[in-house]
Amino acid sequence: MPVAPEAVRDGQADLIEAITEAVHDGDDRTVRRLLARFAEVAGIADLYALRDALIHAERPARPPQQPA
């Protein structure tokens, strides 16, 4: 089941908060893990934007094919 774009944005905000806390605590291992997760979540958000752009894009008409 796909994740709603709103849930992705909420997840990003939560991750940013967790990353900030880990940086403040000096926990490099957690920072790396959370940054990897953030990249994954951001990629999903980009996929939604790409999908929407492709769905709403006007497609040029195909020229008629010539018989070979």
N, C-alpha and C. Protein backbone atom coordinates (compact mmCIF):
# COMPACT_ATOMS: atom_id res chain seq x y z
N MET A 1 0.84 -1.17 0.00
CA MET A 1 0.00 0.00 0.00
C MET A 1 0.90 1.24 0.00
N PRO A 2 0.68 2.19 -0.92
CA PRO A 2 1.51 3.39 -1.00
C PRO A 2 1.32 4.28 0.23
N VAL A 3 2.37 5.03 0.52
CA VAL A 3 2.34 5.97 1.64
C VAL A 3 1.86 7.32 1.12
N ALA A 4 0.95 7.96 1.85
CA ALA A 4 0.43 9.27 1.45
C ALA A 4 1.54 10.32 1.54
N PRO A 5 1.55 11.30 0.63
CA PRO A 5 2.58 12.34 0.67
C PRO A 5 2.62 13.08 2.00
N GLU A 6 1.45 13.27 2.64
CA GLU A 6 1.42 13.97 3.93
C GLU A 6 2.19 13.17 4.98
N ALA A 7 2.05 11.86 4.94
CA ALA A 7 2.76 11.01 5.90
C ALA A 7 4.26 11.08 5.67
N VAL A 8 4.66 11.20 4.40
CA VAL A 8 6.09 11.32 4.09
C VAL A 8 6.63 12.61 4.67
N ARG A 9 5.89 13.72 4.49
CA ARG A 9 6.35 15.01 5.04
C ARG A 9 6.43 14.96 6.56
N ASP A 10 5.44 14.34 7.21
CA ASP A 10 5.47 14.21 8.66
C ASP A 10 6.66 13.38 9.09
N GLY A 11 6.94 12.32 8.34
CA GLY A 11 8.10 11.48 8.64
C GLY A 11 9.40 12.24 8.51
N GLN A 12 9.48 13.13 7.51
CA GLN A 12 10.68 13.93 7.33
C GLN A 12 10.89 14.86 8.51
N ALA A 13 9.81 15.48 8.98
CA ALA A 13 9.92 16.40 10.12
C ALA A 13 10.39 15.65 11.36
N ASP A 14 9.83 14.47 11.58
CA ASP A 14 10.24 13.66 12.73
C ASP A 14 11.71 13.26 12.63
N LEU A 15 12.14 12.90 11.43
CA LEU A 15 13.53 12.51 11.24
C LEU A 15 14.49 13.68 11.45
N ILE A 16 14.10 14.84 10.98
CA ILE A 16 14.95 16.03 11.17
C ILE A 16 15.12 16.32 12.65
N GLU A 17 14.04 16.18 13.39
CA GLU A 17 14.11 16.40 14.84
C GLU A 17 15.04 15.36 15.49
N ALA A 18 14.91 14.11 15.09
CA ALA A 18 15.76 13.05 15.65
C ALA A 18 17.23 13.25 15.26
N ILE A 19 17.48 13.67 14.02
CA ILE A 19 18.85 13.92 13.57
C ILE A 19 19.46 15.06 14.39
N THR A 20 18.68 16.12 14.60
CA THR A 20 19.16 17.26 15.38
C THR A 20 19.54 16.83 16.79
N GLU A 21 18.70 16.01 17.39
CA GLU A 21 18.98 15.52 18.75
C GLU A 21 20.23 14.65 18.77
N ALA A 22 20.39 13.77 17.78
CA ALA A 22 21.56 12.90 17.72
C ALA A 22 22.84 13.71 17.52
N VAL A 23 22.78 14.75 16.69
CA VAL A 23 23.94 15.61 16.47
C VAL A 23 24.29 16.31 17.79
N HIS A 24 23.28 16.83 18.46
CA HIS A 24 23.49 17.52 19.74
C HIS A 24 24.13 16.57 20.77
N ASP A 25 23.70 15.30 20.76
CA ASP A 25 24.23 14.31 21.69
C ASP A 25 25.59 13.77 21.27
N GLY A 26 26.01 14.06 20.03
CA GLY A 26 27.30 13.57 19.53
C GLY A 26 27.28 12.09 19.18
N ASP A 27 26.09 11.57 18.83
CA ASP A 27 25.94 10.14 18.52
C ASP A 27 26.08 9.94 17.01
N ASP A 28 27.33 9.79 16.55
CA ASP A 28 27.60 9.70 15.12
C ASP A 28 26.92 8.51 14.46
N ARG A 29 26.91 7.38 15.14
CA ARG A 29 26.29 6.18 14.55
C ARG A 29 24.80 6.41 14.28
N THR A 30 24.12 7.01 15.24
CA THR A 30 22.70 7.30 15.06
C THR A 30 22.49 8.34 13.98
N VAL A 31 23.35 9.34 13.92
CA VAL A 31 23.24 10.38 12.88
C VAL A 31 23.32 9.73 11.50
N ARG A 32 24.30 8.85 11.30
CA ARG A 32 24.45 8.18 10.00
C ARG A 32 23.22 7.34 9.66
N ARG A 33 22.71 6.62 10.64
CA ARG A 33 21.53 5.77 10.41
C ARG A 33 20.32 6.63 10.06
N LEU A 34 20.12 7.72 10.80
CA LEU A 34 18.97 8.59 10.54
C LEU A 34 19.10 9.33 9.21
N LEU A 35 20.32 9.72 8.85
CA LEU A 35 20.52 10.38 7.56
C LEU A 35 20.20 9.42 6.41
N ALA A 36 20.57 8.17 6.56
CA ALA A 36 20.24 7.17 5.53
C ALA A 36 18.72 7.02 5.42
N ARG A 37 18.05 6.98 6.55
CA ARG A 37 16.58 6.87 6.54
C ARG A 37 15.96 8.12 5.92
N PHE A 38 16.51 9.29 6.24
CA PHE A 38 15.99 10.54 5.67
C PHE A 38 16.13 10.52 4.15
N ALA A 39 17.26 10.04 3.65
CA ALA A 39 17.46 9.98 2.20
C ALA A 39 16.42 9.06 1.57
N GLU A 40 16.11 7.97 2.24
CA GLU A 40 15.09 7.05 1.73
C GLU A 40 13.71 7.72 1.70
N VAL A 41 13.36 8.40 2.77
CA VAL A 41 12.05 9.07 2.85
C VAL A 41 11.98 10.20 1.82
N ALA A 42 13.06 10.94 1.67
CA ALA A 42 13.08 12.03 0.69
C ALA A 42 12.94 11.47 -0.72
N GLY A 43 13.55 10.34 -0.97
CA GLY A 43 13.41 9.69 -2.28
C GLY A 43 11.98 9.31 -2.57
N ILE A 44 11.28 8.81 -1.57
CA ILE A 44 9.87 8.46 -1.74
C ILE A 44 9.05 9.71 -2.06
N ALA A 45 9.33 10.81 -1.37
CA ALA A 45 8.62 12.06 -1.63
C ALA A 45 8.86 12.52 -3.06
N ASP A 46 10.11 12.37 -3.53
CA ASP A 46 10.43 12.75 -4.90
C ASP A 46 9.69 11.88 -5.90
N LEU A 47 9.49 10.61 -5.57
CA LEU A 47 8.75 9.72 -6.46
C LEU A 47 7.31 10.18 -6.62
N TYR A 48 6.71 10.65 -5.55
CA TYR A 48 5.35 11.18 -5.64
C TYR A 48 5.31 12.40 -6.56
N ALA A 49 6.28 13.29 -6.41
CA ALA A 49 6.33 14.48 -7.26
C ALA A 49 6.54 14.09 -8.72
N LEU A 50 7.41 13.12 -8.96
CA LEU A 50 7.66 12.67 -10.32
C LEU A 50 6.40 12.04 -10.91
N ARG A 51 5.74 11.19 -10.13
CA ARG A 51 4.51 10.56 -10.60
C ARG A 51 3.47 11.61 -10.97
N ASP A 52 3.28 12.59 -10.10
CA ASP A 52 2.30 13.64 -10.38
C ASP A 52 2.66 14.43 -11.63
N ALA A 53 3.93 14.71 -11.80
CA ALA A 53 4.36 15.45 -12.99
C ALA A 53 4.11 14.64 -14.26
N LEU A 54 4.38 13.35 -14.19
CA LEU A 54 4.17 12.51 -15.37
C LEU A 54 2.68 12.36 -15.69
N ILE A 55 1.87 12.24 -14.67
CA ILE A 55 0.44 12.08 -14.89
C ILE A 55 -0.16 13.34 -15.52
N HIS A 56 0.30 14.50 -15.08
CA HIS A 56 -0.30 15.76 -15.53
C HIS A 56 0.39 16.36 -16.75
N ALA A 57 1.47 15.75 -17.19
CA ALA A 57 2.19 16.29 -18.35
C ALA A 57 1.38 16.04 -19.62
N GLU A 58 1.44 17.00 -20.49
CA GLU A 58 0.80 16.82 -21.79
C GLU A 58 1.74 16.00 -22.66
N ARG A 59 1.19 14.97 -23.22
CA ARG A 59 2.00 14.11 -24.09
C ARG A 59 1.81 14.55 -25.53
N PRO A 60 2.92 14.73 -26.25
CA PRO A 60 2.79 15.10 -27.67
C PRO A 60 2.18 13.92 -28.45
N ALA A 61 1.43 14.28 -29.46
CA ALA A 61 0.82 13.24 -30.32
C ALA A 61 1.91 12.49 -31.06
N ARG A 62 1.75 11.20 -31.17
CA ARG A 62 2.71 10.40 -31.92
C ARG A 62 2.45 10.58 -33.40
N PRO A 63 3.51 10.72 -34.18
CA PRO A 63 3.30 10.80 -35.63
C PRO A 63 2.86 9.44 -36.16
N PRO A 64 2.10 9.42 -37.23
CA PRO A 64 1.68 8.12 -37.78
C PRO A 64 2.91 7.32 -38.21
N GLN A 65 2.85 6.02 -37.98
CA GLN A 65 3.97 5.16 -38.34
C GLN A 65 3.92 4.84 -39.82
N GLN A 66 5.07 4.88 -40.42
CA GLN A 66 5.21 4.55 -41.86
C GLN A 66 5.34 3.04 -42.00
N PRO A 67 4.66 2.46 -42.98
CA PRO A 67 4.86 1.03 -43.22
C PRO A 67 6.29 0.76 -43.64
N ALA A 68 6.82 -0.35 -43.22
CA ALA A 68 8.21 -0.69 -43.54
C ALA A 68 8.37 -1.20 -44.93
